Amino acid sequence: MLVCVWRRCAKCYKLLLADLSQDQQVGVSFMIIDLNSLSTNESYHLLTQVIVPRPIAWVLTENQDSESYNLAPFSFFNAVCSDPPLIMLSIGQRPDGRQKDTLDNIQRSKKVTIHIPSVEHAAEVTESSRSREPNDSEINAQNIKLVDFEGFALPRIENSKIALAGELHLHQTIGRQQQNLVFIELKTAYLESSIVSKSDQRLKVDHLGLDPLGRLGGSDYWVNGHSLTIKRPM
């Protein structure tokens, strides 16, 4: 067995190799990484490649001009509570240290529409990650069609099979590099009828019909058990 130990030394990485005893299983190797030695970016790239696949929240918020909408994808996202129904978004800062528009908008308006993108949305999801100035709407730039979300102040994307309407529940800041944990209490759920059925008196969502887009590391997505690479815009 071969063990690889990855540590930072003199501002570079040294790969330290150690042979184990002869009675260990032959032909198996592994790497031990000291996460405390990694930079913020190195830690991020490691986490996004080992915690996979991740669900994607395609988040719509109202811009400060009250006339346009911001749309951005986040894969540090999941359900965290069922009573009340809460989801969590983990939102970092822009490279220049400013808050992202999504966080600004949620803090101001308290409202958000979260979509679960399907594979058909992969290119649009990727393009919506492009850095833009405040009030420069991804919806307008990408010609994404919105429709009213019944009973909610914000609209939803017309061809998204799942949309969740929610309001800000709690915002906390963690980490040495500021990371924002945003807890959203869900108020209303939209599900396209084509993916919903009843089973044992419970709603059942057809995951094959939903065809959800999952996130891997780098430029890769998880699609029906296979990876799909779409380069992110600068």
C-alpha atoms as a PDB file:
ATOM      1  CA  MET A   1       0.000   0.000   0.000  1.00  0.00           C
ATOM      2  CA  LEU A   2       1.227   3.504  -0.808  1.00  0.00           C
ATOM      3  CA  VAL A   3       0.285   6.439   1.392  1.00  0.00           C
ATOM      4  CA  CYS A   4       0.530   9.993   0.091  1.00  0.00           C
ATOM      5  CA  VAL A   5       0.656  12.770   2.676  1.00  0.00           C
ATOM      6  CA  TRP A   6      -0.030  16.263   1.301  1.00  0.00           C
ATOM      7  CA  ARG A   7       1.350  19.098   3.381  1.00  0.00           C
ATOM      8  CA  ARG A   8       2.321  22.667   2.661  1.00  0.00           C
ATOM      9  CA  CYS A   9       6.010  23.400   3.014  1.00  0.00           C
ATOM     10  CA  ALA A  10       7.932  26.560   2.088  1.00  0.00           C
ATOM     11  CA  LYS A  11       4.961  27.927   0.113  1.00  0.00           C
ATOM     12  CA  CYS A  12       4.687  24.818  -2.025  1.00  0.00           C
ATOM     13  CA  TYR A  13       3.370  21.276  -1.711  1.00  0.00           C
ATOM     14  CA  LYS A  14       5.574  18.309  -0.978  1.00  0.00           C
ATOM     15  CA  LEU A  15       4.221  14.857  -1.625  1.00  0.00           C
ATOM     16  CA  LEU A  16       5.615  12.604   1.074  1.00  0.00           C
ATOM     17  CA  LEU A  17       5.519   8.917   0.201  1.00  0.00           C
ATOM     18  CA  ALA A  18       5.659   6.172   2.803  1.00  0.00           C
ATOM     19  CA  ASP A  19       5.657   2.404   2.199  1.00  0.00           C
ATOM     20  CA  LEU A  20       3.526   0.444   4.636  1.00  0.00           C
ATOM     21  CA  SER A  21       4.364  -2.986   5.972  1.00  0.00           C
ATOM     22  CA  GLN A  22       4.359  -5.939   3.596  1.00  0.00           C
ATOM     23  CA  ASP A  23       1.317  -7.552   5.226  1.00  0.00           C
ATOM     24  CA  GLN A  24      -0.996  -4.693   4.228  1.00  0.00           C
ATOM     25  CA  GLN A  25      -3.311  -5.006   1.225  1.00  0.00           C
ATOM     26  CA  VAL A  26      -1.232  -4.663  -1.931  1.00  0.00           C
ATOM     27  CA  GLY A  27      -2.158  -2.327  -4.748  1.00  0.00           C
ATOM     28  CA  VAL A  28      -4.131   0.229  -2.715  1.00  0.00           C
ATOM     29  CA  SER A  29      -2.924   3.795  -2.317  1.00  0.00           C
ATOM     30  CA  PHE A  30      -4.426   6.861  -0.722  1.00  0.00           C
ATOM     31  CA  MET A  31      -3.662  10.469   0.111  1.00  0.00           C
ATOM     32  CA  ILE A  32      -3.944  12.207   3.481  1.00  0.00           C
ATOM     33  CA  ILE A  33      -4.437  15.978   3.168  1.00  0.00           C
ATOM     34  CA  ASP A  34      -3.912  18.368   6.068  1.00  0.00           C
ATOM     35  CA  LEU A  35      -6.778  20.810   5.496  1.00  0.00           C
ATOM     36  CA  ASN A  36      -5.322  23.318   7.952  1.00  0.00           C
ATOM     37  CA  SER A  37      -2.417  23.799   5.555  1.00  0.00           C
ATOM     38  CA  LEU A  38      -4.629  24.753   2.609  1.00  0.00           C
ATOM     39  CA  SER A  39      -5.410  28.273   1.474  1.00  0.00           C
ATOM     40  CA  THR A  40      -9.029  29.412   1.196  1.00  0.00           C
ATOM     41  CA  ASN A  41      -9.086  28.704  -2.554  1.00  0.00           C
ATOM     42  CA  GLU A  42      -7.403  25.326  -2.177  1.00  0.00           C
ATOM     43  CA  SER A  43      -9.868  24.292   0.514  1.00  0.00           C
ATOM     44  CA  TYR A  44     -12.787  25.458  -1.651  1.00  0.00           C
ATOM     45  CA  HIS A  45     -11.611  23.490  -4.674  1.00  0.00           C
ATOM     46  CA  LEU A  46     -11.095  20.364  -2.583  1.00  0.00           C
ATOM     47  CA  LEU A  47     -14.521  20.568  -0.918  1.00  0.00           C
ATOM     48  CA  THR A  48     -16.337  21.171  -4.196  1.00  0.00           C
ATOM     49  CA  GLN A  49     -14.742  18.050  -5.676  1.00  0.00           C
ATOM     50  CA  VAL A  50     -15.343  15.645  -2.781  1.00  0.00           C
ATOM     51  CA  ILE A  51     -18.817  16.749  -1.620  1.00  0.00           C
ATOM     52  CA  VAL A  52     -20.599  15.679  -4.791  1.00  0.00           C
ATOM     53  CA  PRO A  53     -23.017  15.809  -6.440  1.00  0.00           C
ATOM     54  CA  ARG A  54     -24.583  18.893  -4.858  1.00  0.00           C
ATOM     55  CA  PRO A  55     -28.075  20.277  -5.514  1.00  0.00           C
ATOM     56  CA  ILE A  56     -28.249  23.688  -7.145  1.00  0.00           C
ATOM     57  CA  ALA A  57     -30.407  26.568  -5.966  1.00  0.00           C
ATOM     58  CA  TRP A  58     -31.137  28.909  -8.868  1.00  0.00           C
ATOM     59  CA  VAL A  59     -31.994  31.997  -6.878  1.00  0.00           C
ATOM     60  CA  LEU A  60     -34.160  34.883  -8.060  1.00  0.00           C
ATOM     61  CA  THR A  61     -34.283  38.126  -6.050  1.00  0.00           C
ATOM     62  CA  GLU A  62     -35.527  41.645  -6.684  1.00  0.00           C
ATOM     63  CA  ASN A  63     -32.852  44.206  -7.534  1.00  0.00           C
ATOM     64  CA  GLN A  64     -32.505  47.507  -5.724  1.00  0.00           C
ATOM     65  CA  ASP A  65     -34.124  49.392  -8.612  1.00  0.00           C
ATOM     66  CA  SER A  66     -37.367  47.431  -7.927  1.00  0.00           C
ATOM     67  CA  GLU A  67     -37.755  47.072 -11.698  1.00  0.00           C
ATOM     68  CA  SER A  68     -35.515  44.089 -12.473  1.00  0.00           C
ATOM     69  CA  TYR A  69     -34.442  40.758 -11.013  1.00  0.00           C
ATOM     70  CA  ASN A  70     -31.169  39.077 -10.170  1.00  0.00           C
ATOM     71  CA  LEU A  71     -30.652  35.388 -10.928  1.00  0.00           C
ATOM     72  CA  ALA A  72     -27.703  33.361  -9.652  1.00  0.00           C
ATOM     73  CA  PRO A  73     -26.846  29.695  -8.922  1.00  0.00           C
ATOM     74  CA  PHE A  74     -25.576  28.418  -5.562  1.00  0.00           C
ATOM     75  CA  SER A  75     -24.511  24.848  -4.816  1.00  0.00           C
ATOM     76  CA  PHE A  76     -23.643  25.336  -1.144  1.00  0.00           C
ATOM     77  CA  PHE A  77     -27.342  24.728  -0.535  1.00  0.00           C
ATOM     78  CA  ASN A  78     -29.665  22.227   1.102  1.00  0.00           C
ATOM     79  CA  ALA A  79     -32.754  21.643   3.236  1.00  0.00           C
ATOM     80  CA  VAL A  80     -31.963  21.940   6.952  1.00  0.00           C
ATOM     81  CA  CYS A  81     -35.321  21.794   8.772  1.00  0.00           C
ATOM     82  CA  SER A  82     -38.863  20.593   8.052  1.00  0.00           C
ATOM     83  CA  ASP A  83     -40.784  22.438  10.794  1.00  0.00           C
ATOM     84  CA  PRO A  84     -40.644  25.202   9.833  1.00  0.00           C
ATOM     85  CA  PRO A  85     -39.466  24.255   6.338  1.00  0.00           C
ATOM     86  CA  LEU A  86     -36.037  25.863   6.051  1.00  0.00           C
ATOM     87  CA  ILE A  87     -33.353  25.757   3.411  1.00  0.00           C
ATOM     88  CA  MET A  88     -29.862  27.212   3.745  1.00  0.00           C
ATOM     89  CA  LEU A  89     -27.777  29.089   1.217  1.00  0.00           C
ATOM     90  CA  SER A  90     -24.081  29.632   1.866  1.00  0.00           C
ATOM     91  CA  ILE A  91     -23.031  32.786   0.026  1.00  0.00           C
ATOM     92  CA  GLY A  92     -19.446  33.999  -0.221  1.00  0.00           C
ATOM     93  CA  GLN A  93     -18.131  37.420  -1.140  1.00  0.00           C
ATOM     94  CA  ARG A  94     -17.200  38.798  -4.549  1.00  0.00           C
ATOM     95  CA  PRO A  95     -13.472  38.540  -5.380  1.00  0.00           C
ATOM     96  CA  ASP A  96     -13.110  42.247  -4.514  1.00  0.00           C
ATOM     97  CA  GLY A  97     -14.668  41.690  -1.074  1.00  0.00           C
ATOM     98  CA  ARG A  98     -18.081  43.211  -1.807  1.00  0.00           C
ATOM     99  CA  GLN A  99     -21.278  41.395  -0.966  1.00  0.00           C
ATOM    100  CA  LYS A 100     -22.947  39.534  -3.788  1.00  0.00           C
ATOM    101  CA  ASP A 101     -26.122  41.027  -5.218  1.00  0.00           C
ATOM    102  CA  THR A 102     -28.187  38.039  -4.100  1.00  0.00           C
ATOM    103  CA  LEU A 103     -27.303  38.657  -0.458  1.00  0.00           C
ATOM    104  CA  ASP A 104     -27.877  42.409  -0.749  1.00  0.00           C
ATOM    105  CA  ASN A 105     -31.285  41.791  -2.277  1.00  0.00           C
ATOM    106  CA  ILE A 106     -32.354  39.201   0.303  1.00  0.00           C
ATOM    107  CA  GLN A 107     -31.298  41.438   3.188  1.00  0.00           C
ATOM    108  CA  ARG A 108     -33.261  44.342   1.745  1.00  0.00           C
ATOM    109  CA  SER A 109     -36.476  42.710   0.499  1.00  0.00           C
ATOM    110  CA  LYS A 110     -36.459  39.541   2.664  1.00  0.00           C
ATOM    111  CA  LYS A 111     -37.992  37.569  -0.224  1.00  0.00           C
ATOM    112  CA  VAL A 112     -36.567  35.012  -2.639  1.00  0.00           C
ATOM    113  CA  THR A 113     -37.666  32.476  -5.252  1.00  0.00           C
ATOM    114  CA  ILE A 114     -35.528  29.343  -5.432  1.00  0.00           C
ATOM    115  CA  HIS A 115     -35.658  27.127  -8.513  1.00  0.00           C
ATOM    116  CA  ILE A 116     -34.350  23.575  -8.851  1.00  0.00           C
ATOM    117  CA  PRO A 117     -32.823  23.574 -12.348  1.00  0.00           C
ATOM    118  CA  SER A 118     -33.131  20.642 -14.720  1.00  0.00           C
ATOM    119  CA  VAL A 119     -30.432  19.467 -17.125  1.00  0.00           C
ATOM    120  CA  GLU A 120     -32.034  21.527 -19.893  1.00  0.00           C
ATOM    121  CA  HIS A 121     -31.094  24.661 -17.927  1.00  0.00           C
ATOM    122  CA  ALA A 122     -27.362  23.846 -17.681  1.00  0.00           C
ATOM    123  CA  ALA A 123     -26.133  26.502 -20.114  1.00  0.00           C
ATOM    124  CA  GLU A 124     -28.441  29.165 -18.661  1.00  0.00           C
ATOM    125  CA  VAL A 125     -27.424  28.308 -15.101  1.00  0.00           C
ATOM    126  CA  THR A 126     -23.762  28.622 -16.048  1.00  0.00           C
ATOM    127  CA  GLU A 127     -24.270  31.947 -17.823  1.00  0.00           C
ATOM    128  CA  SER A 128     -26.175  33.335 -14.831  1.00  0.00           C
ATOM    129  CA  SER A 129     -23.038  32.858 -12.706  1.00  0.00           C
ATOM    130  CA  ARG A 130     -21.348  35.632 -14.696  1.00  0.00           C
ATOM    131  CA  SER A 131     -20.310  38.598 -12.534  1.00  0.00           C
ATOM    132  CA  ARG A 132     -22.466  41.663 -13.221  1.00  0.00           C
ATOM    133  CA  GLU A 133     -22.922  45.077 -11.709  1.00  0.00           C
ATOM    134  CA  PRO A 134     -25.914  45.721  -9.411  1.00  0.00           C
ATOM    135  CA  ASN A 135     -29.234  46.108 -11.276  1.00  0.00           C
ATOM    136  CA  ASP A 136     -27.728  44.507 -14.414  1.00  0.00           C
ATOM    137  CA  SER A 137     -30.330  41.757 -14.670  1.00  0.00           C
ATOM    138  CA  GLU A 138     -29.453  38.220 -15.758  1.00  0.00           C
ATOM    139  CA  ILE A 139     -33.137  37.756 -16.556  1.00  0.00           C
ATOM    140  CA  ASN A 140     -33.030  40.540 -19.137  1.00  0.00           C
ATOM    141  CA  ALA A 141     -29.578  39.678 -20.487  1.00  0.00           C
ATOM    142  CA  GLN A 142     -30.491  36.020 -21.020  1.00  0.00           C
ATOM    143  CA  ASN A 143     -34.096  36.575 -22.120  1.00  0.00           C
ATOM    144  CA  ILE A 144     -35.423  34.251 -19.438  1.00  0.00           C
ATOM    145  CA  LYS A 145     -39.210  34.265 -19.284  1.00  0.00           C
ATOM    146  CA  LEU A 146     -40.878  34.857 -15.921  1.00  0.00           C
ATOM    147  CA  VAL A 147     -44.467  34.272 -14.829  1.00  0.00           C
ATOM    148  CA  ASP A 148     -46.389  35.257 -11.716  1.00  0.00           C
ATOM    149  CA  PHE A 149     -45.906  33.028  -8.683  1.00  0.00           C
ATOM    150  CA  GLU A 150     -49.429  32.773  -7.293  1.00  0.00           C
ATOM    151  CA  GLY A 151     -49.674  34.210  -3.785  1.00  0.00           C
ATOM    152  CA  PHE A 152     -46.098  35.540  -3.732  1.00  0.00           C
ATOM    153  CA  ALA A 153     -44.546  38.926  -4.419  1.00  0.00           C
ATOM    154  CA  LEU A 154     -41.771  37.625  -6.691  1.00  0.00           C
ATOM    155  CA  PRO A 155     -42.188  35.795 -10.012  1.00  0.00           C
ATOM    156  CA  ARG A 156     -40.768  32.421 -11.000  1.00  0.00           C
ATOM    157  CA  ILE A 157     -39.047  31.083 -14.106  1.00  0.00           C
ATOM    158  CA  GLU A 158     -41.708  29.771 -16.461  1.00  0.00           C
ATOM    159  CA  ASN A 159     -40.008  26.549 -17.558  1.00  0.00           C
ATOM    160  CA  SER A 160     -38.600  25.526 -14.173  1.00  0.00           C
ATOM    161  CA  LYS A 161     -40.401  22.408 -12.924  1.00  0.00           C
ATOM    162  CA  ILE A 162     -39.885  23.327  -9.248  1.00  0.00           C
ATOM    163  CA  ALA A 163     -39.949  26.768  -7.642  1.00  0.00           C
ATOM    164  CA  LEU A 164     -39.923  27.556  -3.922  1.00  0.00           C
ATOM    165  CA  ALA A 165     -41.075  30.887  -2.509  1.00  0.00           C
ATOM    166  CA  GLY A 166     -39.494  31.936   0.759  1.00  0.00           C
ATOM    167  CA  GLU A 167     -38.605  34.698   3.178  1.00  0.00           C
ATOM    168  CA  LEU A 168     -35.456  35.447   5.151  1.00  0.00           C
ATOM    169  CA  HIS A 169     -35.465  33.575   8.467  1.00  0.00           C
ATOM    170  CA  LEU A 170     -31.916  34.096   9.739  1.00  0.00           C
ATOM    171  CA  HIS A 171     -28.575  35.403   8.499  1.00  0.00           C
ATOM    172  CA  GLN A 172     -25.275  34.472  10.139  1.00  0.00           C
ATOM    173  CA  THR A 173     -21.654  35.093   9.205  1.00  0.00           C
ATOM    174  CA  ILE A 174     -18.981  32.428   9.707  1.00  0.00           C
ATOM    175  CA  GLY A 175     -15.413  31.668   8.671  1.00  0.00           C
ATOM    176  CA  ARG A 176     -12.090  33.480   8.491  1.00  0.00           C
ATOM    177  CA  GLN A 177     -13.069  34.601   5.012  1.00  0.00           C
ATOM    178  CA  GLN A 178     -16.596  35.960   5.446  1.00  0.00           C
ATOM    179  CA  GLN A 179     -19.179  33.357   4.450  1.00  0.00           C
ATOM    180  CA  ASN A 180     -22.873  34.133   4.817  1.00  0.00           C
ATOM    181  CA  LEU A 181     -25.306  31.473   5.980  1.00  0.00           C
ATOM    182  CA  VAL A 182     -28.763  32.517   4.830  1.00  0.00           C
ATOM    183  CA  PHE A 183     -31.697  30.526   6.176  1.00  0.00           C
ATOM    184  CA  ILE A 184     -34.883  30.853   4.136  1.00  0.00           C
ATOM    185  CA  GLU A 185     -38.298  29.810   5.434  1.00  0.00           C
ATOM    186  CA  LEU A 186     -40.274  28.359   2.558  1.00  0.00           C
ATOM    187  CA  LYS A 187     -43.849  29.581   2.197  1.00  0.00           C
ATOM    188  CA  THR A 188     -45.086  28.162  -1.116  1.00  0.00           C
ATOM    189  CA  ALA A 189     -43.938  25.416  -3.484  1.00  0.00           C
ATOM    190  CA  TYR A 190     -44.698  25.196  -7.198  1.00  0.00           C
ATOM    191  CA  LEU A 191     -44.361  21.755  -8.792  1.00  0.00           C
ATOM    192  CA  GLU A 192     -45.139  21.050 -12.425  1.00  0.00           C
ATOM    193  CA  SER A 193     -47.941  18.480 -12.530  1.00  0.00           C
ATOM    194  CA  SER A 194     -46.012  16.275 -14.968  1.00  0.00           C
ATOM    195  CA  ILE A 195     -43.529  15.297 -12.242  1.00  0.00           C
ATOM    196  CA  VAL A 196     -45.987  14.797  -9.362  1.00  0.00           C
ATOM    197  CA  SER A 197     -48.044  11.743  -8.411  1.00  0.00           C
ATOM    198  CA  LYS A 198     -49.492  10.255  -5.222  1.00  0.00           C
ATOM    199  CA  SER A 199     -48.089   7.193  -3.501  1.00  0.00           C
ATOM    200  CA  ASP A 200     -49.444   5.942  -0.143  1.00  0.00           C
ATOM    201  CA  GLN A 201     -51.267   9.250   0.301  1.00  0.00           C
ATOM    202  CA  ARG A 202     -48.012  11.179  -0.123  1.00  0.00           C
ATOM    203  CA  LEU A 203     -46.844  13.362  -2.943  1.00  0.00           C
ATOM    204  CA  LYS A 204     -44.176  11.662  -5.012  1.00  0.00           C
ATOM    205  CA  VAL A 205     -41.868  13.674  -7.243  1.00  0.00           C
ATOM    206  CA  ASP A 206     -40.568  11.859 -10.308  1.00  0.00           C
ATOM    207  CA  HIS A 207     -36.837  12.538 -10.209  1.00  0.00           C
ATOM    208  CA  LEU A 208     -36.419  11.183 -13.728  1.00  0.00           C
ATOM    209  CA  GLY A 209     -39.006  13.637 -14.987  1.00  0.00           C
ATOM    210  CA  LEU A 210     -37.388  16.448 -13.023  1.00  0.00           C
ATOM    211  CA  ASP A 211     -33.973  15.505 -14.438  1.00  0.00           C
ATOM    212  CA  PRO A 212     -32.170  17.647 -11.837  1.00  0.00           C
ATOM    213  CA  LEU A 213     -28.846  19.275 -12.593  1.00  0.00           C
ATOM    214  CA  GLY A 214     -26.193  18.469  -9.979  1.00  0.00           C
ATOM    215  CA  ARG A 215     -22.944  20.274  -9.251  1.00  0.00           C
ATOM    216  CA  LEU A 216     -19.477  18.768  -9.249  1.00  0.00           C
ATOM    217  CA  GLY A 217     -16.125  20.531  -8.950  1.00  0.00           C
ATOM    218  CA  GLY A 218     -14.615  22.956 -11.440  1.00  0.00           C
ATOM    219  CA  SER A 219     -16.770  23.401 -14.536  1.00  0.00           C
ATOM    220  CA  ASP A 220     -18.494  20.039 -14.192  1.00  0.00           C
ATOM    221  CA  TYR A 221     -22.129  19.123 -13.603  1.00  0.00           C
ATOM    222  CA  TRP A 222     -23.749  15.802 -12.708  1.00  0.00           C
ATOM    223  CA  VAL A 223     -26.232  14.663 -15.350  1.00  0.00           C
ATOM    224  CA  ASN A 224     -28.040  11.311 -15.171  1.00  0.00           C
ATOM    225  CA  GLY A 225     -25.049   9.553 -13.677  1.00  0.00           C
ATOM    226  CA  HIS A 226     -22.559  11.213 -16.027  1.00  0.00           C
ATOM    227  CA  SER A 227     -20.535  14.407 -15.921  1.00  0.00           C
ATOM    228  CA  LEU A 228     -21.094  17.423 -18.167  1.00  0.00           C
ATOM    229  CA  THR A 229     -18.482  20.169 -18.509  1.00  0.00           C
ATOM    230  CA  ILE A 230     -19.525  23.771 -19.206  1.00  0.00           C
ATOM    231  CA  LYS A 231     -16.847  26.422 -18.728  1.00  0.00           C
ATOM    232  CA  ARG A 232     -17.896  29.209 -16.379  1.00  0.00           C
ATOM    233  CA  PRO A 233     -17.931  32.777 -17.734  1.00  0.00           C
ATOM    234  CA  MET A 234     -15.484  35.295 -16.327  1.00  0.00           C
END
